[in-house]
Protein backbone atom coordinates (compact mmCIF):
# COMPACT_ATOMS: atom_id res chain seq x y z
CA MET A 1 19.19 -38.82 15.69
CA PRO A 2 22.09 -37.40 13.62
CA GLN A 3 21.54 -33.84 12.42
CA SER A 4 21.45 -34.89 8.75
CA ASN A 5 18.65 -37.35 9.54
CA ILE A 6 16.60 -34.92 11.58
CA THR A 7 16.96 -32.28 8.87
CA GLN A 8 15.63 -34.72 6.29
CA GLN A 9 12.81 -35.68 8.64
CA ALA A 10 11.88 -32.01 9.08
CA LEU A 11 11.77 -31.52 5.32
CA THR A 12 9.67 -34.65 4.87
CA ASP A 13 7.26 -33.45 7.56
CA LEU A 14 6.85 -30.04 5.95
CA ARG A 15 6.16 -31.60 2.55
CA GLU A 16 3.51 -33.83 4.10
CA LEU A 17 1.94 -30.92 5.99
CA LEU A 18 1.83 -28.91 2.77
CA TYR A 19 -0.65 -31.42 1.33
CA THR A 20 -2.57 -32.37 4.47
CA GLN A 21 -3.17 -29.00 6.15
CA GLU A 22 -5.55 -26.26 5.14
CA GLU A 23 -5.79 -22.49 5.01
CA TRP A 24 -3.39 -20.54 7.26
CA ILE A 25 -1.42 -23.54 8.51
CA LYS A 26 -0.92 -24.51 4.87
CA VAL A 27 0.26 -20.94 4.16
CA HIS A 28 2.75 -21.08 7.03
CA VAL A 29 4.10 -24.46 5.88
CA ALA A 30 4.50 -23.17 2.32
CA GLU A 31 6.41 -20.12 3.50
CA PHE A 32 8.70 -22.21 5.72
CA LEU A 33 9.64 -24.27 2.66
CA LEU A 34 10.12 -21.22 0.46
CA TRP A 35 12.25 -19.39 3.01
CA GLU A 36 14.65 -22.33 3.01
CA GLY A 37 14.57 -22.68 -0.78
CA GLN A 38 12.88 -26.07 -0.60
CA CYS A 39 10.17 -27.56 -2.86
CA VAL A 40 9.59 -24.21 -4.55
CA ASP A 41 7.95 -25.68 -7.67
CA GLU A 42 5.75 -27.96 -5.57
CA VAL A 43 4.61 -25.06 -3.44
CA ARG A 44 3.84 -22.97 -6.50
CA ARG A 45 1.80 -25.75 -8.13
CA GLU A 46 -0.10 -26.47 -4.93
CA PHE A 47 -0.98 -22.82 -4.37
CA LEU A 48 -1.98 -22.22 -7.97
CA GLU A 49 -4.52 -24.96 -7.30
CA GLU A 50 -5.48 -23.30 -4.01
CA ASN A 51 -6.04 -20.08 -5.93
CA ARG A 52 -8.22 -21.88 -8.48
CA ARG A 53 -10.34 -23.39 -5.70
CA TYR A 54 -10.31 -20.67 -3.03
CA GLY A 55 -9.09 -17.46 -4.66
CA HIS A 56 -12.53 -15.95 -4.09
CA ILE A 57 -12.51 -16.54 -0.32
CA ALA A 58 -11.96 -13.29 1.58
CA LYS A 59 -8.90 -13.14 3.84
CA TYR A 60 -7.55 -16.59 2.96
CA ARG A 61 -6.99 -15.48 -0.63
CA ILE A 62 -4.49 -12.93 0.68
CA GLY A 63 -2.47 -15.79 2.14
CA ILE A 64 -2.63 -17.67 -1.16
CA TRP A 65 -1.40 -14.66 -3.10
CA ARG A 66 1.31 -14.03 -0.49
CA VAL A 67 2.70 -17.51 -1.05
CA LEU A 68 2.50 -17.23 -4.83
CA ALA A 69 4.29 -13.87 -4.77
CA GLN A 70 7.19 -15.57 -2.98
CA ALA A 71 7.12 -18.74 -5.07
CA THR A 72 8.05 -17.12 -8.36
CA SER A 73 11.38 -15.76 -9.53
CA ALA A 74 9.73 -13.89 -12.42
CA GLY A 75 9.29 -10.21 -11.63
CA LYS A 76 6.18 -9.84 -13.79
CA GLU A 77 4.38 -12.80 -12.22
CA ARG A 78 5.31 -11.67 -8.71
CA SER A 79 3.99 -8.20 -9.49
CA GLU A 80 0.68 -9.68 -10.61
CA TRP A 81 0.15 -11.39 -7.27
CA VAL A 82 1.36 -8.37 -5.29
CA ASN A 83 -0.96 -6.10 -7.26
CA ARG A 84 -3.92 -8.27 -6.31
CA ILE A 85 -3.02 -7.74 -2.66
CA VAL A 86 -2.60 -3.99 -3.20
CA LYS A 87 -6.04 -3.83 -4.82
CA ALA A 88 -7.55 -5.64 -1.81
CA TYR A 89 -5.88 -3.12 0.51
CA GLU A 90 -7.18 -0.19 -1.50
CA GLU A 91 -10.80 -1.36 -1.19
CA THR A 92 -11.59 0.77 1.84
CA GLU A 93 -14.75 -1.15 2.70
CA GLY A 94 -13.36 -4.52 1.66
CA PRO A 95 -12.98 -7.51 4.00
CA ASP A 96 -9.27 -8.05 3.30
CA ARG A 97 -7.62 -4.77 4.30
CA LEU A 98 -6.05 -5.95 7.57
CA HIS A 99 -4.63 -9.12 6.02
CA ALA A 100 -3.55 -7.21 2.92
CA VAL A 101 -1.52 -4.51 4.69
CA GLU A 102 0.13 -7.08 6.96
CA THR A 103 1.04 -9.18 3.93
CA LEU A 104 2.38 -6.20 2.01
CA ALA A 105 4.61 -5.38 4.99
CA LYS A 106 5.85 -8.97 5.04
CA LEU A 107 6.59 -8.70 1.34
CA LYS A 108 8.28 -5.31 1.94
CA HIS A 109 5.99 -3.65 -0.57
CA ALA A 110 5.14 -0.17 0.68
CA VAL A 111 1.67 1.27 0.16
CA VAL A 112 1.64 3.60 3.18
CA ALA A 113 3.33 6.85 2.24
CA ASP A 114 4.57 7.95 5.67
CA ILE A 115 3.71 7.95 9.35
CA SER A 116 3.22 11.68 9.80
CA GLY A 117 -0.44 11.13 10.59
CA PHE A 118 0.25 8.57 13.32
CA ASN A 119 1.08 9.29 16.93
CA ILE A 120 1.11 7.45 20.23
CA SER A 121 -2.44 8.51 21.03
CA ASN A 122 -4.09 6.98 17.98
CA GLY A 123 -2.45 3.67 17.22
CA SER A 124 -2.78 0.39 19.04
CA ASP A 125 -5.16 -1.42 16.73
CA ALA A 126 -3.60 -4.07 14.49
CA PHE A 127 -4.46 -2.24 11.26
CA THR A 128 -2.57 0.89 12.36
CA LEU A 129 0.41 -1.10 13.62
CA TYR A 130 0.70 -2.99 10.33
CA ARG A 131 0.44 0.29 8.41
CA ILE A 132 3.31 1.74 10.46
CA TRP A 133 5.36 -1.36 9.66
CA ASN A 134 4.50 -1.09 5.98
CA ALA A 135 5.63 2.54 5.85
CA ALA A 136 9.15 1.44 6.80
CA TYR A 137 9.68 0.13 3.27
CA GLN A 138 9.24 3.44 1.51
CA PRO A 139 12.56 4.36 -0.17
CA ASN A 140 13.12 7.42 2.00
CA ALA A 141 11.45 6.13 5.17
CA ASN A 142 12.74 7.41 8.50
CA VAL A 143 13.09 3.99 10.07
CA GLU A 144 14.48 5.43 13.31
CA ALA A 145 11.30 7.49 13.73
CA ILE A 146 9.20 4.40 12.99
CA HIS A 147 11.11 2.44 15.64
CA GLU A 148 10.55 5.29 18.11
CA LEU A 149 6.82 5.27 17.45
CA LEU A 150 6.56 1.49 17.73
CA VAL A 151 8.61 1.28 20.93
CA SER A 152 6.64 4.14 22.48
CA LEU A 153 3.42 2.31 21.63
CA LEU A 154 4.85 -0.90 23.07
CA GLU A 155 5.57 0.88 26.36
CA ILE A 156 2.02 2.23 26.56
CA GLN A 157 0.53 -1.15 25.69
CA ALA A 158 2.67 -2.88 28.33
CA ARG A 159 1.62 -0.40 31.03
CA GLU A 160 -2.03 -0.87 30.08
CA TYR A 161 -1.74 -4.65 29.68
CA ASP A 162 -3.16 -4.37 26.19
CA GLU A 163 -2.22 -7.92 25.27
CA ARG A 164 -3.78 -7.99 21.83
CA ALA A 165 -1.79 -4.91 20.77
CA LEU A 166 1.39 -6.18 22.46
CA SER A 167 1.23 -9.38 20.44
CA VAL A 168 1.18 -7.38 17.21
CA SER A 169 3.73 -4.76 18.26
CA SER A 170 6.29 -7.29 19.43
CA PHE A 171 5.92 -9.19 16.15
CA VAL A 172 6.28 -6.02 14.07
CA ILE A 173 9.36 -4.82 15.97
CA ARG A 174 11.20 -8.11 15.58
CA ASN A 175 10.55 -7.90 11.83
CA LEU A 176 12.03 -4.40 11.63
CA ARG A 177 15.52 -5.23 12.78
CA PRO A 178 18.03 -3.87 13.57
CA VAL A 179 16.98 -1.53 16.34
CA SER A 180 19.18 1.00 18.11
CA PRO A 181 20.75 0.19 21.51
CA GLY A 182 18.43 2.69 23.17
CA HIS A 183 15.33 1.14 21.66
CA TRP A 184 16.53 -2.36 22.55
CA ASP A 185 16.98 -1.34 26.18
CA ARG A 186 13.42 -0.03 26.28
CA ILE A 187 12.03 -3.20 24.68
CA ARG A 188 13.91 -5.25 27.28
CA GLU A 189 12.52 -3.12 30.11
CA CYS A 190 8.98 -3.72 28.83
CA ALA A 191 9.58 -7.46 28.76
CA LEU A 192 11.16 -7.58 32.22
CA ALA A 193 8.36 -5.54 33.80
CA PHE A 194 5.46 -7.32 32.13
CA SER A 195 3.55 -9.70 34.39
CA GLY A 196 0.52 -10.52 32.28
CA SER A 197 -0.15 -13.74 30.41
CA TYR A 198 2.63 -16.22 29.71
CA GLY A 199 1.98 -16.04 25.98
CA ILE A 200 2.52 -12.28 25.76
CA ARG A 201 5.48 -12.31 28.14
CA SER A 202 7.07 -14.97 25.95
CA ALA A 203 6.41 -12.88 22.83
CA LEU A 204 8.15 -9.90 24.41
CA LEU A 205 11.09 -12.03 25.54
CA ALA A 206 11.39 -13.54 22.06
CA THR A 207 11.52 -10.05 20.59
CA VAL A 208 14.23 -9.07 23.06
CA SER A 209 16.28 -12.10 22.05
CA MET A 210 15.70 -11.72 18.31
CA THR A 211 16.56 -8.00 18.25
CA ALA A 212 19.62 -8.33 20.47
CA LEU A 213 22.60 -6.39 19.17
CA PRO A 214 26.15 -7.71 18.77
CA GLY A 215 27.96 -7.53 22.07
CA VAL A 216 24.89 -8.11 24.25
CA ASP A 217 25.78 -10.19 27.30
CA ALA A 218 25.45 -13.83 26.23
CA GLN A 219 24.55 -14.81 29.79
CA TYR A 220 21.54 -12.50 29.69
CA LEU A 221 20.34 -14.02 26.41
CA PHE A 222 20.81 -17.47 27.92
CA SER A 223 18.58 -16.42 30.82
CA VAL A 224 15.88 -15.37 28.34
CA LYS A 225 15.97 -18.80 26.70
CA ARG A 226 15.98 -20.46 30.10
CA GLU A 227 12.83 -18.58 31.12
CA LEU A 228 11.11 -19.46 27.86
CA LEU A 229 12.04 -23.09 28.35
CA ALA A 230 10.75 -23.10 31.92
CA MET A 231 7.30 -21.95 30.83
CA LYS A 232 7.15 -23.80 27.49
CA ASN A 233 4.04 -25.75 28.47
CA LYS A 234 2.04 -22.59 29.11
CA SER A 235 -0.36 -21.38 26.43
CA GLY A 236 1.27 -19.47 23.59
CA VAL A 237 4.86 -19.91 24.79
CA LEU A 238 6.31 -22.77 22.78
CA VAL A 239 6.02 -21.06 19.41
CA ASN A 240 8.04 -18.10 20.74
CA LEU A 241 10.72 -20.42 22.08
CA LEU A 242 10.89 -22.02 18.63
CA TYR A 243 11.30 -18.59 16.99
CA VAL A 244 14.27 -17.92 19.26
CA LEU A 245 15.87 -21.32 18.73
CA ALA A 246 15.45 -20.99 14.96
CA GLU A 247 17.99 -18.16 15.03
CA SER A 248 20.52 -19.89 17.24
CA ALA A 249 23.70 -21.55 16.06
CA THR A 250 24.83 -23.18 19.32
CA GLU A 251 25.06 -26.93 19.65
CA ALA A 252 23.15 -26.86 22.94
CA ASP A 253 20.24 -25.05 21.33
CA ARG A 254 20.21 -27.45 18.38
CA LEU A 255 19.99 -30.37 20.80
CA LEU A 256 17.14 -28.68 22.66
CA LEU A 257 15.39 -27.96 19.39
CA SER A 258 15.77 -31.59 18.30
CA SER A 259 14.16 -32.73 21.54
CA LEU A 260 11.24 -30.31 21.19
CA TYR A 261 10.76 -31.23 17.54
CA ALA A 262 10.62 -34.95 18.36
CA ARG A 263 7.85 -34.23 20.87
CA VAL A 264 5.65 -31.86 18.87
CA ARG A 265 5.69 -33.90 15.63
CA LYS A 266 3.75 -36.79 17.20
CA SER A 267 0.40 -36.30 15.50
CA GLU A 268 -1.22 -39.00 17.61
CA ALA A 269 -0.39 -37.25 20.88
CA ALA A 270 -3.01 -35.37 22.86
CA GLY A 271 -2.90 -31.66 22.13
CA TYR A 272 -1.07 -32.07 18.81
CA ASP A 273 -0.83 -28.74 16.96
CA ALA A 274 0.09 -28.86 13.28
CA ASP A 275 1.14 -25.19 13.28
CA ILE A 276 3.62 -25.83 16.12
CA HIS A 277 4.82 -28.97 14.33
CA ALA A 278 5.49 -26.93 11.21
CA ALA A 279 7.28 -24.18 13.14
CA ALA A 280 9.53 -26.71 14.85
CA ALA A 281 10.34 -28.42 11.54
CA TYR A 282 11.21 -25.05 10.04
CA ALA A 283 13.44 -24.20 12.99
CA VAL A 284 15.30 -27.49 12.47
CA LEU A 285 15.78 -26.75 8.77
CA LYS A 286 16.89 -23.20 9.41
CA THR A 287 19.45 -24.02 12.09
CA ASN A 288 20.97 -26.72 9.91
CA SER A 289 20.87 -24.75 6.67
CA THR A 290 23.97 -24.70 4.48
CA LYS A 291 22.76 -21.65 2.51
């Protein structure tokens, strides 16, 4: 299929998924569209309706407000949605705090003043890791110190095979790019040494690829993609391969992505996963973007 056709198909699929999926898959689909500047008004209308119907539902409402904060160009309206999330975070006994602090980090809205109270002996739970990430967006944040803390935690988690924490840490680190050459080397060492589940190994490898600095040996990065491709049918791997391919500009990777997309979009197939379908469609849009 020509690239223009597959790009249109990916957009059509995401629009359909926006209206047929629910809760967090719906949130992911909406964000994929917004990140590519597509169907912004449709997304906003759909999520205003979601807020009317489900804005009282703990946890999911944070996802609704996250989408609406991104779907408006008006500073005042965005602030209203962000402030709802901040209020949920500030409710110390509330049910939304974990989702709220993660979302505020994704929106780059800092509510954590600094990381002086954190150290490598007290922070491998998701809430702490998301708070460290959030602190990076303070105006005078010492991002190098935050990277050092996160990479040190990653090393401990890898040695202890703390897979739940590794999943969060690898995600946070790839969202706090760029990293220094020294930190990247340590992240790579963690990935190379890790022999736990395929899903977590693939998450670490994806983070290595996505944080790679200019000048990194292209052959090494090719070997990372080759390993991800070889284990793509293992649990939790394919989504990380899609994350990596979404950032590639090579023709070979676009062809591979097209092939994977054609396979995962078949809703009638056994094992169909709408979240993977959406991620693949987004990767297609992103790699063919003219923005």
